[in-house]
Amino acid sequence: MSLTFSGPLPVHTVHTVHTVRPVRRVRHEVRDGMAVIAFSAVASSGLAAALMLFLSLVA
């Protein structure tokens, strides 16, 4: 038994999708940093106020 091919073999190609991430600029990094600083300030102030209120009610 012999096999003969009369044409080119099919070529399977794998298509990859490359997503291009946008370039993060310095202002984006600064904005994110300022958001972290603001959240930290509000959270710590709120916790301090809650502790002061709790201690004033207990004592």
PDB file of N, CA and C in Angstrom:
ATOM      1  N   MET A   1       0.847  -1.170   0.000  1.00  0.00           N
ATOM      2  CA  MET A   1       0.000   0.000   0.000  1.00  0.00           C
ATOM      3  C   MET A   1       0.894   1.236   0.000  1.00  0.00           C
ATOM      4  N   SER A   2       0.671   2.147  -0.903  1.00  0.00           N
ATOM      5  CA  SER A   2       1.466   3.371  -0.965  1.00  0.00           C
ATOM      6  C   SER A   2       0.537   4.562  -1.059  1.00  0.00           C
ATOM      7  N   LEU A   3       0.974   5.646  -0.466  1.00  0.00           N
ATOM      8  CA  LEU A   3       0.194   6.886  -0.482  1.00  0.00           C
ATOM      9  C   LEU A   3       0.931   7.901  -1.343  1.00  0.00           C
ATOM     10  N   THR A   4       0.183   8.578  -2.174  1.00  0.00           N
ATOM     11  CA  THR A   4       0.784   9.636  -2.981  1.00  0.00           C
ATOM     12  C   THR A   4      -0.008  10.912  -2.772  1.00  0.00           C
ATOM     13  N   PHE A   5       0.711  12.012  -2.692  1.00  0.00           N
ATOM     14  CA  PHE A   5       0.068  13.312  -2.537  1.00  0.00           C
ATOM     15  C   PHE A   5       0.251  14.070  -3.835  1.00  0.00           C
ATOM     16  N   SER A   6      -0.836  14.624  -4.319  1.00  0.00           N
ATOM     17  CA  SER A   6      -0.753  15.327  -5.592  1.00  0.00           C
ATOM     18  C   SER A   6      -0.662  16.842  -5.435  1.00  0.00           C
ATOM     19  N   GLY A   7      -0.691  17.323  -4.228  1.00  0.00           N
ATOM     20  CA  GLY A   7      -0.650  18.770  -4.030  1.00  0.00           C
ATOM     21  C   GLY A   7       0.117  19.120  -2.770  1.00  0.00           C
ATOM     22  N   PRO A   8       0.196  20.376  -2.490  1.00  0.00           N
ATOM     23  CA  PRO A   8       0.911  20.777  -1.275  1.00  0.00           C
ATOM     24  C   PRO A   8       0.129  20.376  -0.035  1.00  0.00           C
ATOM     25  N   LEU A   9       0.854  20.118   1.018  1.00  0.00           N
ATOM     26  CA  LEU A   9       0.210  19.763   2.275  1.00  0.00           C
ATOM     27  C   LEU A   9      -0.436  21.002   2.879  1.00  0.00           C
ATOM     28  N   PRO A  10      -1.564  20.837   3.540  1.00  0.00           N
ATOM     29  CA  PRO A  10      -2.196  22.005   4.159  1.00  0.00           C
ATOM     30  C   PRO A  10      -1.331  22.515   5.315  1.00  0.00           C
ATOM     31  N   VAL A  11      -1.242  23.807   5.383  1.00  0.00           N
ATOM     32  CA  VAL A  11      -0.454  24.440   6.432  1.00  0.00           C
ATOM     33  C   VAL A  11      -1.415  25.058   7.433  1.00  0.00           C
ATOM     34  N   HIS A  12      -1.263  24.671   8.671  1.00  0.00           N
ATOM     35  CA  HIS A  12      -2.114  25.217   9.733  1.00  0.00           C
ATOM     36  C   HIS A  12      -1.349  26.338  10.418  1.00  0.00           C
ATOM     37  N   THR A  13      -1.936  27.496  10.390  1.00  0.00           N
ATOM     38  CA  THR A  13      -1.303  28.632  11.055  1.00  0.00           C
ATOM     39  C   THR A  13      -2.087  28.974  12.303  1.00  0.00           C
ATOM     40  N   VAL A  14      -1.380  29.374  13.298  1.00  0.00           N
ATOM     41  CA  VAL A  14      -2.005  29.800  14.552  1.00  0.00           C
ATOM     42  C   VAL A  14      -1.943  31.315  14.585  1.00  0.00           C
ATOM     43  N   HIS A  15      -3.108  31.910  14.662  1.00  0.00           N
ATOM     44  CA  HIS A  15      -3.174  33.368  14.714  1.00  0.00           C
ATOM     45  C   HIS A  15      -3.145  33.798  16.172  1.00  0.00           C
ATOM     46  N   THR A  16      -2.185  34.585  16.501  1.00  0.00           N
ATOM     47  CA  THR A  16      -2.119  35.116  17.857  1.00  0.00           C
ATOM     48  C   THR A  16      -2.544  36.570  17.833  1.00  0.00           C
ATOM     49  N   VAL A  17      -3.235  36.932  18.862  1.00  0.00           N
ATOM     50  CA  VAL A  17      -3.695  38.311  18.984  1.00  0.00           C
ATOM     51  C   VAL A  17      -2.811  38.996  20.006  1.00  0.00           C
ATOM     52  N   HIS A  18      -2.120  40.007  19.576  1.00  0.00           N
ATOM     53  CA  HIS A  18      -1.273  40.772  20.473  1.00  0.00           C
ATOM     54  C   HIS A  18      -2.028  42.035  20.864  1.00  0.00           C
ATOM     55  N   THR A  19      -2.317  42.123  22.150  1.00  0.00           N
ATOM     56  CA  THR A  19      -2.982  43.329  22.620  1.00  0.00           C
ATOM     57  C   THR A  19      -1.901  44.331  23.013  1.00  0.00           C
ATOM     58  N   VAL A  20      -2.046  45.512  22.555  1.00  0.00           N
ATOM     59  CA  VAL A  20      -1.090  46.564  22.856  1.00  0.00           C
ATOM     60  C   VAL A  20      -1.627  47.365  24.028  1.00  0.00           C
ATOM     61  N   ARG A  21      -0.859  47.343  25.107  1.00  0.00           N
ATOM     62  CA  ARG A  21      -1.270  48.101  26.278  1.00  0.00           C
ATOM     63  C   ARG A  21      -0.920  49.563  26.069  1.00  0.00           C
ATOM     64  N   PRO A  22      -1.819  50.445  26.465  1.00  0.00           N
ATOM     65  CA  PRO A  22      -1.498  51.864  26.310  1.00  0.00           C
ATOM     66  C   PRO A  22      -0.338  52.250  27.224  1.00  0.00           C
ATOM     67  N   VAL A  23       0.420  53.193  26.787  1.00  0.00           N
ATOM     68  CA  VAL A  23       1.570  53.652  27.565  1.00  0.00           C
ATOM     69  C   VAL A  23       1.062  54.453  28.757  1.00  0.00           C
ATOM     70  N   ARG A  24       1.509  54.050  29.944  1.00  0.00           N
ATOM     71  CA  ARG A  24       1.136  54.808  31.140  1.00  0.00           C
ATOM     72  C   ARG A  24       2.092  55.972  31.282  1.00  0.00           C
ATOM     73  N   ARG A  25       1.523  57.129  31.358  1.00  0.00           N
ATOM     74  CA  ARG A  25       2.339  58.332  31.468  1.00  0.00           C
ATOM     75  C   ARG A  25       2.588  58.661  32.936  1.00  0.00           C
ATOM     76  N   VAL A  26       3.482  59.571  33.169  1.00  0.00           N
ATOM     77  CA  VAL A  26       3.830  59.950  34.539  1.00  0.00           C
ATOM     78  C   VAL A  26       2.616  60.512  35.267  1.00  0.00           C
ATOM     79  N   ARG A  27       1.787  61.260  34.548  1.00  0.00           N
ATOM     80  CA  ARG A  27       0.613  61.844  35.217  1.00  0.00           C
ATOM     81  C   ARG A  27      -0.342  60.773  35.706  1.00  0.00           C
ATOM     82  N   HIS A  28      -0.405  59.627  35.015  1.00  0.00           N
ATOM     83  CA  HIS A  28      -1.263  58.536  35.479  1.00  0.00           C
ATOM     84  C   HIS A  28      -0.708  57.940  36.767  1.00  0.00           C
ATOM     85  N   GLU A  29       0.599  57.780  36.821  1.00  0.00           N
ATOM     86  CA  GLU A  29       1.229  57.257  38.029  1.00  0.00           C
ATOM     87  C   GLU A  29       1.030  58.222  39.195  1.00  0.00           C
ATOM     88  N   VAL A  30       1.161  59.516  38.940  1.00  0.00           N
ATOM     89  CA  VAL A  30       0.981  60.518  39.990  1.00  0.00           C
ATOM     90  C   VAL A  30      -0.468  60.530  40.461  1.00  0.00           C
ATOM     91  N   ARG A  31      -1.400  60.437  39.522  1.00  0.00           N
ATOM     92  CA  ARG A  31      -2.824  60.425  39.887  1.00  0.00           C
ATOM     93  C   ARG A  31      -3.139  59.219  40.763  1.00  0.00           C
ATOM     94  N   ASP A  32      -2.605  58.052  40.400  1.00  0.00           N
ATOM     95  CA  ASP A  32      -2.844  56.853  41.208  1.00  0.00           C
ATOM     96  C   ASP A  32      -2.221  57.003  42.595  1.00  0.00           C
ATOM     97  N   GLY A  33      -1.024  57.577  42.648  1.00  0.00           N
ATOM     98  CA  GLY A  33      -0.372  57.794  43.939  1.00  0.00           C
ATOM     99  C   GLY A  33      -1.145  58.753  44.818  1.00  0.00           C
ATOM    100  N   MET A  34      -1.660  59.822  44.219  1.00  0.00           N
ATOM    101  CA  MET A  34      -2.460  60.780  44.992  1.00  0.00           C
ATOM    102  C   MET A  34      -3.750  60.154  45.502  1.00  0.00           C
ATOM    103  N   ALA A  35      -4.336  59.268  44.707  1.00  0.00           N
ATOM    104  CA  ALA A  35      -5.557  58.575  45.150  1.00  0.00           C
ATOM    105  C   ALA A  35      -5.254  57.687  46.356  1.00  0.00           C
ATOM    106  N   VAL A  36      -4.123  57.019  46.348  1.00  0.00           N
ATOM    107  CA  VAL A  36      -3.729  56.178  47.484  1.00  0.00           C
ATOM    108  C   VAL A  36      -3.485  57.040  48.711  1.00  0.00           C
ATOM    109  N   ILE A  37      -2.817  58.170  48.532  1.00  0.00           N
ATOM    110  CA  ILE A  37      -2.547  59.073  49.659  1.00  0.00           C
ATOM    111  C   ILE A  37      -3.848  59.616  50.238  1.00  0.00           C
ATOM    112  N   ALA A  38      -4.771  60.022  49.381  1.00  0.00           N
ATOM    113  CA  ALA A  38      -6.053  60.562  49.849  1.00  0.00           C
ATOM    114  C   ALA A  38      -6.863  59.497  50.586  1.00  0.00           C
ATOM    115  N   PHE A  39      -6.903  58.293  50.039  1.00  0.00           N
ATOM    116  CA  PHE A  39      -7.648  57.220  50.705  1.00  0.00           C
ATOM    117  C   PHE A  39      -7.035  56.911  52.059  1.00  0.00           C
ATOM    118  N   SER A  40      -5.716  56.864  52.125  1.00  0.00           N
ATOM    119  CA  SER A  40      -5.041  56.571  53.378  1.00  0.00           C
ATOM    120  C   SER A  40      -5.337  57.647  54.416  1.00  0.00           C
ATOM    121  N   ALA A  41      -5.313  58.908  54.008  1.00  0.00           N
ATOM    122  CA  ALA A  41      -5.586  60.007  54.930  1.00  0.00           C
ATOM    123  C   ALA A  41      -7.022  59.944  55.455  1.00  0.00           C
ATOM    124  N   VAL A  42      -7.966  59.703  54.572  1.00  0.00           N
ATOM    125  CA  VAL A  42      -9.372  59.637  54.994  1.00  0.00           C
ATOM    126  C   VAL A  42      -9.612  58.427  55.896  1.00  0.00           C
ATOM    127  N   ALA A  43      -9.040  57.298  55.548  1.00  0.00           N
ATOM    128  CA  ALA A  43      -9.245  56.091  56.345  1.00  0.00           C
ATOM    129  C   ALA A  43      -8.631  56.238  57.734  1.00  0.00           C
ATOM    130  N   SER A  44      -7.415  56.761  57.816  1.00  0.00           N
ATOM    131  CA  SER A  44      -6.785  56.895  59.132  1.00  0.00           C
ATOM    132  C   SER A  44      -7.479  57.970  59.969  1.00  0.00           C
ATOM    133  N   SER A  45      -7.931  59.059  59.352  1.00  0.00           N
ATOM    134  CA  SER A  45      -8.667  60.086  60.092  1.00  0.00           C
ATOM    135  C   SER A  45     -10.002  59.540  60.600  1.00  0.00           C
ATOM    136  N   GLY A  46     -10.675  58.776  59.776  1.00  0.00           N
ATOM    137  CA  GLY A  46     -11.942  58.180  60.196  1.00  0.00           C
ATOM    138  C   GLY A  46     -11.753  57.193  61.335  1.00  0.00           C
ATOM    139  N   LEU A  47     -10.694  56.403  61.259  1.00  0.00           N
ATOM    140  CA  LEU A  47     -10.427  55.449  62.340  1.00  0.00           C
ATOM    141  C   LEU A  47     -10.073  56.184  63.634  1.00  0.00           C
ATOM    142  N   ALA A  48      -9.272  57.240  63.535  1.00  0.00           N
ATOM    143  CA  ALA A  48      -8.911  58.024  64.724  1.00  0.00           C
ATOM    144  C   ALA A  48     -10.158  58.672  65.338  1.00  0.00           C
ATOM    145  N   ALA A  49     -11.032  59.219  64.506  1.00  0.00           N
ATOM    146  CA  ALA A  49     -12.260  59.839  65.014  1.00  0.00           C
ATOM    147  C   ALA A  49     -13.162  58.800  65.678  1.00  0.00           C
ATOM    148  N   ALA A  50     -13.257  57.629  65.085  1.00  0.00           N
ATOM    149  CA  ALA A  50     -14.089  56.577  65.681  1.00  0.00           C
ATOM    150  C   ALA A  50     -13.521  56.132  67.027  1.00  0.00           C
ATOM    151  N   LEU A  51     -12.214  55.991  67.124  1.00  0.00           N
ATOM    152  CA  LEU A  51     -11.609  55.606  68.404  1.00  0.00           C
ATOM    153  C   LEU A  51     -11.807  56.689  69.461  1.00  0.00           C
ATOM    154  N   MET A  52     -11.660  57.955  69.069  1.00  0.00           N
ATOM    155  CA  MET A  52     -11.874  59.048  70.026  1.00  0.00           C
ATOM    156  C   MET A  52     -13.325  59.079  70.515  1.00  0.00           C
ATOM    157  N   LEU A  53     -14.255  58.873  69.609  1.00  0.00           N
ATOM    158  CA  LEU A  53     -15.666  58.854  69.989  1.00  0.00           C
ATOM    159  C   LEU A  53     -15.946  57.685  70.939  1.00  0.00           C
ATOM    160  N   PHE A  54     -15.400  56.530  70.618  1.00  0.00           N
ATOM    161  CA  PHE A  54     -15.606  55.346  71.460  1.00  0.00           C
ATOM    162  C   PHE A  54     -15.027  55.568  72.853  1.00  0.00           C
ATOM    163  N   LEU A  55     -13.808  56.131  72.914  1.00  0.00           N
ATOM    164  CA  LEU A  55     -13.180  56.345  74.209  1.00  0.00           C
ATOM    165  C   LEU A  55     -13.886  57.425  75.022  1.00  0.00           C
ATOM    166  N   SER A  56     -14.455  58.424  74.344  1.00  0.00           N
ATOM    167  CA  SER A  56     -15.187  59.471  75.091  1.00  0.00           C
ATOM    168  C   SER A  56     -16.505  58.921  75.655  1.00  0.00           C
ATOM    169  N   LEU A  57     -17.084  57.932  74.978  1.00  0.00           N
ATOM    170  CA  LEU A  57     -18.322  57.342  75.495  1.00  0.00           C
ATOM    171  C   LEU A  57     -18.054  56.359  76.626  1.00  0.00           C
ATOM    172  N   VAL A  58     -16.943  55.681  76.589  1.00  0.00           N
ATOM    173  CA  VAL A  58     -16.608  54.680  77.598  1.00  0.00           C
ATOM    174  C   VAL A  58     -16.109  55.360  78.869  1.00  0.00           C
ATOM    175  N   ALA A  59     -15.275  56.353  78.767  1.00  0.00           N
ATOM    176  CA  ALA A  59     -14.657  56.966  79.952  1.00  0.00           C
ATOM    177  C   ALA A  59     -15.545  57.989  80.619  1.00  0.00           C
TER     178      ALA A  59
END
